[in-house]
Amino acid sequence: MSTQANDPRQPSAAKPFVSPAVNPQDLPVDYSGFIAVVFGIAGVMFRYKLSSWLAIIFCAQSLANMRNMENDLKQISMAMMFAIMGLVTNYLGPARPGTKS
């Protein structure tokens, strides 16, 4: 029951896979990084706590899926700064007018 004689594969013709070089400008857009920036800005400007927390979550997702180190790190750091700034202003900032603290 040996199928070695009828095996059509040729081990000598096998070559290791080499991924093609991709230009950093041709990489797909990092949507989670962009969404993190949008949520971070909304958290700072409109003082939405949920928006700031979502920005941090999307920053972590973007950091985990980072492909282009230089450009993505700039975007992630900007989004993280907006998210942290939003959380600081929401939790430690002055109370909003018309709300009970």
C-alpha atoms as a PDB file:
ATOM      1  CA  MET A   1       0.000   0.000   0.000  1.00  0.00           C
ATOM      2  CA  SER A   2       2.899   2.318  -0.556  1.00  0.00           C
ATOM      3  CA  THR A   3       2.087   5.370  -2.663  1.00  0.00           C
ATOM      4  CA  GLN A   4       5.691   6.555  -2.862  1.00  0.00           C
ATOM      5  CA  ALA A   5       6.103   5.312  -6.428  1.00  0.00           C
ATOM      6  CA  ASN A   6       3.006   7.118  -7.707  1.00  0.00           C
ATOM      7  CA  ASP A   7       3.621  10.389  -5.818  1.00  0.00           C
ATOM      8  CA  PRO A   8       3.576  13.251  -8.399  1.00  0.00           C
ATOM      9  CA  ARG A   9       5.344  15.711  -6.063  1.00  0.00           C
ATOM     10  CA  GLN A  10       8.983  16.466  -6.710  1.00  0.00           C
ATOM     11  CA  PRO A  11      10.875  17.422  -3.555  1.00  0.00           C
ATOM     12  CA  SER A  12      13.853  18.598  -5.570  1.00  0.00           C
ATOM     13  CA  ALA A  13      11.672  21.191  -7.372  1.00  0.00           C
ATOM     14  CA  ALA A  14      10.231  22.645  -4.140  1.00  0.00           C
ATOM     15  CA  LYS A  15      11.306  26.196  -3.331  1.00  0.00           C
ATOM     16  CA  PRO A  16      10.735  28.071  -0.076  1.00  0.00           C
ATOM     17  CA  PHE A  17       8.139  30.855  -0.220  1.00  0.00           C
ATOM     18  CA  VAL A  18       9.591  34.348  -0.324  1.00  0.00           C
ATOM     19  CA  SER A  19       7.071  37.135   0.193  1.00  0.00           C
ATOM     20  CA  PRO A  20       7.272  39.870  -2.435  1.00  0.00           C
ATOM     21  CA  ALA A  21       8.614  43.258  -1.382  1.00  0.00           C
ATOM     22  CA  VAL A  22       5.790  45.789  -1.006  1.00  0.00           C
ATOM     23  CA  ASN A  23       6.238  49.533  -1.132  1.00  0.00           C
ATOM     24  CA  PRO A  24       5.024  51.166   2.141  1.00  0.00           C
ATOM     25  CA  GLN A  25       2.731  53.464   0.145  1.00  0.00           C
ATOM     26  CA  ASP A  26       1.043  50.439  -1.439  1.00  0.00           C
ATOM     27  CA  LEU A  27       0.063  48.859   1.891  1.00  0.00           C
ATOM     28  CA  PRO A  28      -3.655  48.820   2.721  1.00  0.00           C
ATOM     29  CA  VAL A  29      -5.053  51.582   4.896  1.00  0.00           C
ATOM     30  CA  ASP A  30      -5.026  50.981   8.652  1.00  0.00           C
ATOM     31  CA  TYR A  31      -8.707  51.532   9.349  1.00  0.00           C
ATOM     32  CA  SER A  32      -8.459  50.771  13.052  1.00  0.00           C
ATOM     33  CA  GLY A  33      -5.820  53.502  13.440  1.00  0.00           C
ATOM     34  CA  PHE A  34      -7.998  55.995  11.601  1.00  0.00           C
ATOM     35  CA  ILE A  35     -11.046  55.067  13.694  1.00  0.00           C
ATOM     36  CA  ALA A  36      -8.929  55.444  16.836  1.00  0.00           C
ATOM     37  CA  VAL A  37      -8.000  58.992  15.821  1.00  0.00           C
ATOM     38  CA  VAL A  38     -11.646  59.859  15.097  1.00  0.00           C
ATOM     39  CA  PHE A  39     -12.842  58.434  18.431  1.00  0.00           C
ATOM     40  CA  GLY A  40      -9.984  60.143  20.271  1.00  0.00           C
ATOM     41  CA  ILE A  41     -10.828  63.547  18.812  1.00  0.00           C
ATOM     42  CA  ALA A  42     -14.526  63.021  19.546  1.00  0.00           C
ATOM     43  CA  GLY A  43     -13.666  62.057  23.121  1.00  0.00           C
ATOM     44  CA  VAL A  44     -11.671  65.251  23.630  1.00  0.00           C
ATOM     45  CA  MET A  45     -13.977  67.660  21.841  1.00  0.00           C
ATOM     46  CA  PHE A  46     -17.369  66.332  22.930  1.00  0.00           C
ATOM     47  CA  ARG A  47     -16.195  64.840  26.245  1.00  0.00           C
ATOM     48  CA  TYR A  48     -17.552  61.373  25.542  1.00  0.00           C
ATOM     49  CA  LYS A  49     -16.034  58.796  27.874  1.00  0.00           C
ATOM     50  CA  LEU A  50     -17.106  55.887  25.705  1.00  0.00           C
ATOM     51  CA  SER A  51     -15.445  57.458  22.682  1.00  0.00           C
ATOM     52  CA  SER A  52     -12.145  57.814  24.529  1.00  0.00           C
ATOM     53  CA  TRP A  53     -12.262  54.192  25.715  1.00  0.00           C
ATOM     54  CA  LEU A  54     -13.065  53.002  22.184  1.00  0.00           C
ATOM     55  CA  ALA A  55     -10.103  55.014  20.900  1.00  0.00           C
ATOM     56  CA  ILE A  56      -7.808  53.151  23.298  1.00  0.00           C
ATOM     57  CA  ILE A  57      -9.235  49.801  22.182  1.00  0.00           C
ATOM     58  CA  PHE A  58      -8.739  50.657  18.513  1.00  0.00           C
ATOM     59  CA  CYS A  59      -5.210  51.893  19.293  1.00  0.00           C
ATOM     60  CA  ALA A  60      -4.391  48.504  20.794  1.00  0.00           C
ATOM     61  CA  GLN A  61      -5.842  46.744  17.754  1.00  0.00           C
ATOM     62  CA  SER A  62      -3.887  48.961  15.396  1.00  0.00           C
ATOM     63  CA  LEU A  63      -0.711  48.391  17.397  1.00  0.00           C
ATOM     64  CA  ALA A  64      -1.204  44.632  17.196  1.00  0.00           C
ATOM     65  CA  ASN A  65      -1.702  44.751  13.408  1.00  0.00           C
ATOM     66  CA  MET A  66       1.021  47.289  12.623  1.00  0.00           C
ATOM     67  CA  ARG A  67       2.723  46.780   9.254  1.00  0.00           C
ATOM     68  CA  ASN A  68       4.620  49.969   8.499  1.00  0.00           C
ATOM     69  CA  MET A  69       6.541  50.811  11.654  1.00  0.00           C
ATOM     70  CA  GLU A  70       7.232  54.494  11.043  1.00  0.00           C
ATOM     71  CA  ASN A  71       3.904  55.735   9.669  1.00  0.00           C
ATOM     72  CA  ASP A  72       1.670  53.543  11.797  1.00  0.00           C
ATOM     73  CA  LEU A  73       3.511  54.400  14.998  1.00  0.00           C
ATOM     74  CA  LYS A  74       2.967  58.114  14.369  1.00  0.00           C
ATOM     75  CA  GLN A  75      -0.749  57.580  13.821  1.00  0.00           C
ATOM     76  CA  ILE A  76      -1.117  55.283  16.821  1.00  0.00           C
ATOM     77  CA  SER A  77       0.760  57.658  19.117  1.00  0.00           C
ATOM     78  CA  MET A  78      -1.424  60.584  18.007  1.00  0.00           C
ATOM     79  CA  ALA A  79      -4.596  58.563  18.568  1.00  0.00           C
ATOM     80  CA  MET A  80      -3.346  57.382  21.970  1.00  0.00           C
ATOM     81  CA  MET A  81      -2.584  60.967  23.019  1.00  0.00           C
ATOM     82  CA  PHE A  82      -6.082  62.086  22.039  1.00  0.00           C
ATOM     83  CA  ALA A  83      -7.616  59.124  23.871  1.00  0.00           C
ATOM     84  CA  ILE A  84      -5.604  59.727  27.049  1.00  0.00           C
ATOM     85  CA  MET A  85      -6.283  63.464  26.874  1.00  0.00           C
ATOM     86  CA  GLY A  86      -9.999  62.711  26.527  1.00  0.00           C
ATOM     87  CA  LEU A  87      -9.974  60.378  29.516  1.00  0.00           C
ATOM     88  CA  VAL A  88      -8.051  62.865  31.657  1.00  0.00           C
ATOM     89  CA  THR A  89     -10.417  65.709  30.794  1.00  0.00           C
ATOM     90  CA  ASN A  90     -13.469  63.497  31.346  1.00  0.00           C
ATOM     91  CA  TYR A  91     -12.470  62.004  34.674  1.00  0.00           C
ATOM     92  CA  LEU A  92     -10.220  64.678  36.205  1.00  0.00           C
ATOM     93  CA  GLY A  93     -11.374  67.855  34.489  1.00  0.00           C
ATOM     94  CA  PRO A  94     -13.936  70.362  35.738  1.00  0.00           C
ATOM     95  CA  ALA A  95     -17.555  69.280  35.847  1.00  0.00           C
ATOM     96  CA  ARG A  96     -19.751  70.141  32.926  1.00  0.00           C
ATOM     97  CA  PRO A  97     -22.315  72.860  33.503  1.00  0.00           C
ATOM     98  CA  GLY A  98     -25.752  71.465  34.239  1.00  0.00           C
ATOM     99  CA  THR A  99     -24.577  68.076  35.517  1.00  0.00           C
ATOM    100  CA  LYS A 100     -24.423  66.796  39.068  1.00  0.00           C
ATOM    101  CA  SER A 101     -21.093  65.508  40.303  1.00  0.00           C
END
